[in-house]
Amino acid sequence: MPKCVLVIDDDVLNRELAKRTLQSNGYEVITAQDGLEGLEAIKKKPDLILLDVQMPRLDGYGFIRQKFSHPDPALSKIPVIVLSALGKTEPLFKRYGVKAYLVKPMNTQELLEKIQTLTAPPASPPVA
């Protein structure tokens, strides 16, 4: 079963680029155009979230704070990769458990490697 990635970005071109890139690499993709739609979409329990920062209605900061404090622990633990043109905001997101922070324009190979790492099953402990 393919891993599912939720892409939250208000820019339709960025959203579609991410969607096509991920689908062509075997991922299922859900999209949302802002943080409010993203909060609804996480109920589908994606394996990972790609999050833009600057969006209308509910921005990336608001989304991550609400996700972090979500009453369903399974939803609050979904790993997040922030994609932003604002490199200096990384520390704000790291305190909410963001797993990776990539500066736009995104490097597709780096993004795919981060997604693969964050969605891989945990390694089995060595057999004694």
C-alpha atoms as a PDB file:
ATOM      1  CA  MET A   1       0.000   0.000   0.000  1.00  0.00           C
ATOM      2  CA  PRO A   2       1.538   3.359  -1.016  1.00  0.00           C
ATOM      3  CA  LYS A   3       2.381   5.944   1.611  1.00  0.00           C
ATOM      4  CA  CYS A   4       0.086   8.969   1.700  1.00  0.00           C
ATOM      5  CA  VAL A   5       1.360  12.565   1.786  1.00  0.00           C
ATOM      6  CA  LEU A   6      -0.800  15.593   2.570  1.00  0.00           C
ATOM      7  CA  VAL A   7       0.394  18.700   0.681  1.00  0.00           C
ATOM      8  CA  ILE A   8      -0.810  21.986   2.205  1.00  0.00           C
ATOM      9  CA  ASP A   9       0.029  25.024   0.055  1.00  0.00           C
ATOM     10  CA  ASP A  10      -2.043  27.968  -1.159  1.00  0.00           C
ATOM     11  CA  ASP A  11      -0.075  28.276  -4.398  1.00  0.00           C
ATOM     12  CA  VAL A  12      -1.765  26.010  -6.943  1.00  0.00           C
ATOM     13  CA  LEU A  13       1.441  25.615  -8.989  1.00  0.00           C
ATOM     14  CA  ASN A  14       3.485  24.520  -5.958  1.00  0.00           C
ATOM     15  CA  ARG A  15       0.709  22.179  -4.867  1.00  0.00           C
ATOM     16  CA  GLU A  16       0.438  20.577  -8.307  1.00  0.00           C
ATOM     17  CA  LEU A  17       4.210  20.283  -8.714  1.00  0.00           C
ATOM     18  CA  ALA A  18       4.485  18.523  -5.357  1.00  0.00           C
ATOM     19  CA  LYS A  19       1.497  16.305  -6.168  1.00  0.00           C
ATOM     20  CA  ARG A  20       2.861  15.210  -9.554  1.00  0.00           C
ATOM     21  CA  THR A  21       6.363  14.662  -8.199  1.00  0.00           C
ATOM     22  CA  LEU A  22       5.079  12.518  -5.346  1.00  0.00           C
ATOM     23  CA  GLN A  23       2.619  10.539  -7.466  1.00  0.00           C
ATOM     24  CA  SER A  24       5.306   9.788 -10.049  1.00  0.00           C
ATOM     25  CA  ASN A  25       7.381   8.364  -7.188  1.00  0.00           C
ATOM     26  CA  GLY A  26       4.626   6.061  -5.948  1.00  0.00           C
ATOM     27  CA  TYR A  27       2.982   8.160  -3.229  1.00  0.00           C
ATOM     28  CA  GLU A  28      -0.720   8.743  -2.733  1.00  0.00           C
ATOM     29  CA  VAL A  29      -1.381  12.493  -2.391  1.00  0.00           C
ATOM     30  CA  ILE A  30      -4.050  14.545  -0.640  1.00  0.00           C
ATOM     31  CA  THR A  31      -4.012  18.324  -1.151  1.00  0.00           C
ATOM     32  CA  ALA A  32      -5.285  21.314   0.820  1.00  0.00           C
ATOM     33  CA  GLN A  33      -5.042  24.988  -0.092  1.00  0.00           C
ATOM     34  CA  ASP A  34      -4.636  26.354   3.450  1.00  0.00           C
ATOM     35  CA  GLY A  35      -4.279  25.327   7.074  1.00  0.00           C
ATOM     36  CA  LEU A  36      -8.030  25.048   7.695  1.00  0.00           C
ATOM     37  CA  GLU A  37      -8.441  22.571   4.834  1.00  0.00           C
ATOM     38  CA  GLY A  38      -5.306  20.846   6.113  1.00  0.00           C
ATOM     39  CA  LEU A  39      -6.849  20.327   9.574  1.00  0.00           C
ATOM     40  CA  GLU A  40      -9.782  18.598   7.914  1.00  0.00           C
ATOM     41  CA  ALA A  41      -7.527  16.546   5.649  1.00  0.00           C
ATOM     42  CA  ILE A  42      -5.370  15.168   8.488  1.00  0.00           C
ATOM     43  CA  LYS A  43      -8.427  13.204   9.620  1.00  0.00           C
ATOM     44  CA  LYS A  44      -7.605  10.916   6.671  1.00  0.00           C
ATOM     45  CA  LYS A  45      -4.383  10.094   8.585  1.00  0.00           C
ATOM     46  CA  PRO A  46      -1.679  10.690   5.981  1.00  0.00           C
ATOM     47  CA  ASP A  47       1.765   9.271   6.643  1.00  0.00           C
ATOM     48  CA  LEU A  48       3.411  12.688   6.269  1.00  0.00           C
ATOM     49  CA  ILE A  49       2.532  16.374   5.770  1.00  0.00           C
ATOM     50  CA  LEU A  50       4.263  18.897   3.477  1.00  0.00           C
ATOM     51  CA  LEU A  51       3.405  22.339   4.839  1.00  0.00           C
ATOM     52  CA  ASP A  52       3.772  25.823   3.391  1.00  0.00           C
ATOM     53  CA  VAL A  53       4.126  28.729   5.847  1.00  0.00           C
ATOM     54  CA  GLN A  54       2.462  31.765   4.307  1.00  0.00           C
ATOM     55  CA  MET A  55      -1.178  30.978   3.508  1.00  0.00           C
ATOM     56  CA  PRO A  56      -4.531  32.756   3.894  1.00  0.00           C
ATOM     57  CA  ARG A  57      -7.151  31.852   6.532  1.00  0.00           C
ATOM     58  CA  LEU A  58      -4.830  29.633   8.618  1.00  0.00           C
ATOM     59  CA  ASP A  59      -1.091  29.829   7.983  1.00  0.00           C
ATOM     60  CA  GLY A  60       1.541  27.181   8.632  1.00  0.00           C
ATOM     61  CA  TYR A  61       2.201  28.410  12.181  1.00  0.00           C
ATOM     62  CA  GLY A  62      -1.456  28.184  13.138  1.00  0.00           C
ATOM     63  CA  PHE A  63      -1.795  24.781  11.509  1.00  0.00           C
ATOM     64  CA  ILE A  64       1.221  23.306  13.283  1.00  0.00           C
ATOM     65  CA  ARG A  65       0.108  24.642  16.697  1.00  0.00           C
ATOM     66  CA  GLN A  66      -3.364  23.147  16.265  1.00  0.00           C
ATOM     67  CA  LYS A  67      -1.989  19.847  14.943  1.00  0.00           C
ATOM     68  CA  PHE A  68       0.502  19.644  17.827  1.00  0.00           C
ATOM     69  CA  SER A  69      -2.282  20.056  20.396  1.00  0.00           C
ATOM     70  CA  HIS A  70      -4.808  17.819  18.608  1.00  0.00           C
ATOM     71  CA  PRO A  71      -6.680  15.541  21.027  1.00  0.00           C
ATOM     72  CA  ASP A  72      -6.077  12.503  18.790  1.00  0.00           C
ATOM     73  CA  PRO A  73      -2.455  11.522  19.521  1.00  0.00           C
ATOM     74  CA  ALA A  74      -2.169   9.660  16.212  1.00  0.00           C
ATOM     75  CA  LEU A  75      -2.831  12.908  14.313  1.00  0.00           C
ATOM     76  CA  SER A  76      -0.516  15.024  16.436  1.00  0.00           C
ATOM     77  CA  LYS A  77       2.358  12.602  15.700  1.00  0.00           C
ATOM     78  CA  ILE A  78       2.160  12.717  11.889  1.00  0.00           C
ATOM     79  CA  PRO A  79       5.604  13.929  10.724  1.00  0.00           C
ATOM     80  CA  VAL A  80       5.754  17.352   9.057  1.00  0.00           C
ATOM     81  CA  ILE A  81       8.159  18.802   6.515  1.00  0.00           C
ATOM     82  CA  VAL A  82       7.909  22.580   6.193  1.00  0.00           C
ATOM     83  CA  LEU A  83       8.542  24.057   2.737  1.00  0.00           C
ATOM     84  CA  SER A  84       9.087  27.800   2.904  1.00  0.00           C
ATOM     85  CA  ALA A  85      10.803  30.699   1.222  1.00  0.00           C
ATOM     86  CA  LEU A  86      11.495  32.014   4.755  1.00  0.00           C
ATOM     87  CA  GLY A  87      14.624  30.224   5.969  1.00  0.00           C
ATOM     88  CA  LYS A  88      14.805  32.183   9.223  1.00  0.00           C
ATOM     89  CA  THR A  89      11.578  30.722  10.666  1.00  0.00           C
ATOM     90  CA  GLU A  90      12.955  27.192  11.122  1.00  0.00           C
ATOM     91  CA  PRO A  91      13.428  27.445  14.946  1.00  0.00           C
ATOM     92  CA  LEU A  92       9.751  28.362  15.415  1.00  0.00           C
ATOM     93  CA  PHE A  93       8.694  25.113  13.786  1.00  0.00           C
ATOM     94  CA  LYS A  94      11.322  22.840  15.339  1.00  0.00           C
ATOM     95  CA  ARG A  95       9.870  23.377  18.820  1.00  0.00           C
ATOM     96  CA  TYR A  96       6.610  21.845  17.569  1.00  0.00           C
ATOM     97  CA  GLY A  97       8.332  18.704  16.371  1.00  0.00           C
ATOM     98  CA  VAL A  98       8.694  19.533  12.681  1.00  0.00           C
ATOM     99  CA  LYS A  99      10.967  16.824  11.277  1.00  0.00           C
ATOM    100  CA  ALA A 100      12.481  18.776   8.384  1.00  0.00           C
ATOM    101  CA  TYR A 101      12.553  22.328   7.061  1.00  0.00           C
ATOM    102  CA  LEU A 102      13.333  22.889   3.393  1.00  0.00           C
ATOM    103  CA  VAL A 103      13.730  26.283   1.743  1.00  0.00           C
ATOM    104  CA  LYS A 104      11.944  26.935  -1.561  1.00  0.00           C
ATOM    105  CA  PRO A 105      12.555  26.483  -4.372  1.00  0.00           C
ATOM    106  CA  MET A 106      12.591  22.877  -3.309  1.00  0.00           C
ATOM    107  CA  ASN A 107      15.247  20.421  -4.301  1.00  0.00           C
ATOM    108  CA  THR A 108      13.142  17.477  -5.484  1.00  0.00           C
ATOM    109  CA  GLN A 109      15.743  14.828  -4.686  1.00  0.00           C
ATOM    110  CA  GLU A 110      16.289  16.174  -1.162  1.00  0.00           C
ATOM    111  CA  LEU A 111      12.528  16.306  -0.597  1.00  0.00           C
ATOM    112  CA  LEU A 112      12.022  12.714  -1.762  1.00  0.00           C
ATOM    113  CA  GLU A 113      14.882  11.503   0.445  1.00  0.00           C
ATOM    114  CA  LYS A 114      13.394  13.253   3.510  1.00  0.00           C
ATOM    115  CA  ILE A 115       9.955  11.796   2.792  1.00  0.00           C
ATOM    116  CA  GLN A 116      11.365   8.302   2.335  1.00  0.00           C
ATOM    117  CA  THR A 117      13.316   8.569   5.598  1.00  0.00           C
ATOM    118  CA  LEU A 118      10.359   9.901   7.593  1.00  0.00           C
ATOM    119  CA  THR A 119       7.843   7.379   6.242  1.00  0.00           C
ATOM    120  CA  ALA A 120      10.083   4.315   6.454  1.00  0.00           C
ATOM    121  CA  PRO A 121       9.090   1.703   9.019  1.00  0.00           C
ATOM    122  CA  PRO A 122      11.216   1.730  12.163  1.00  0.00           C
ATOM    123  CA  ALA A 123      14.264  -0.506  11.972  1.00  0.00           C
ATOM    124  CA  SER A 124      13.923  -3.833  13.759  1.00  0.00           C
ATOM    125  CA  PRO A 125      16.218  -4.331  16.734  1.00  0.00           C
ATOM    126  CA  PRO A 126      19.067  -6.752  16.087  1.00  0.00           C
ATOM    127  CA  VAL A 127      18.309 -10.351  16.952  1.00  0.00           C
ATOM    128  CA  ALA A 128      20.477 -11.569  19.820  1.00  0.00           C
END
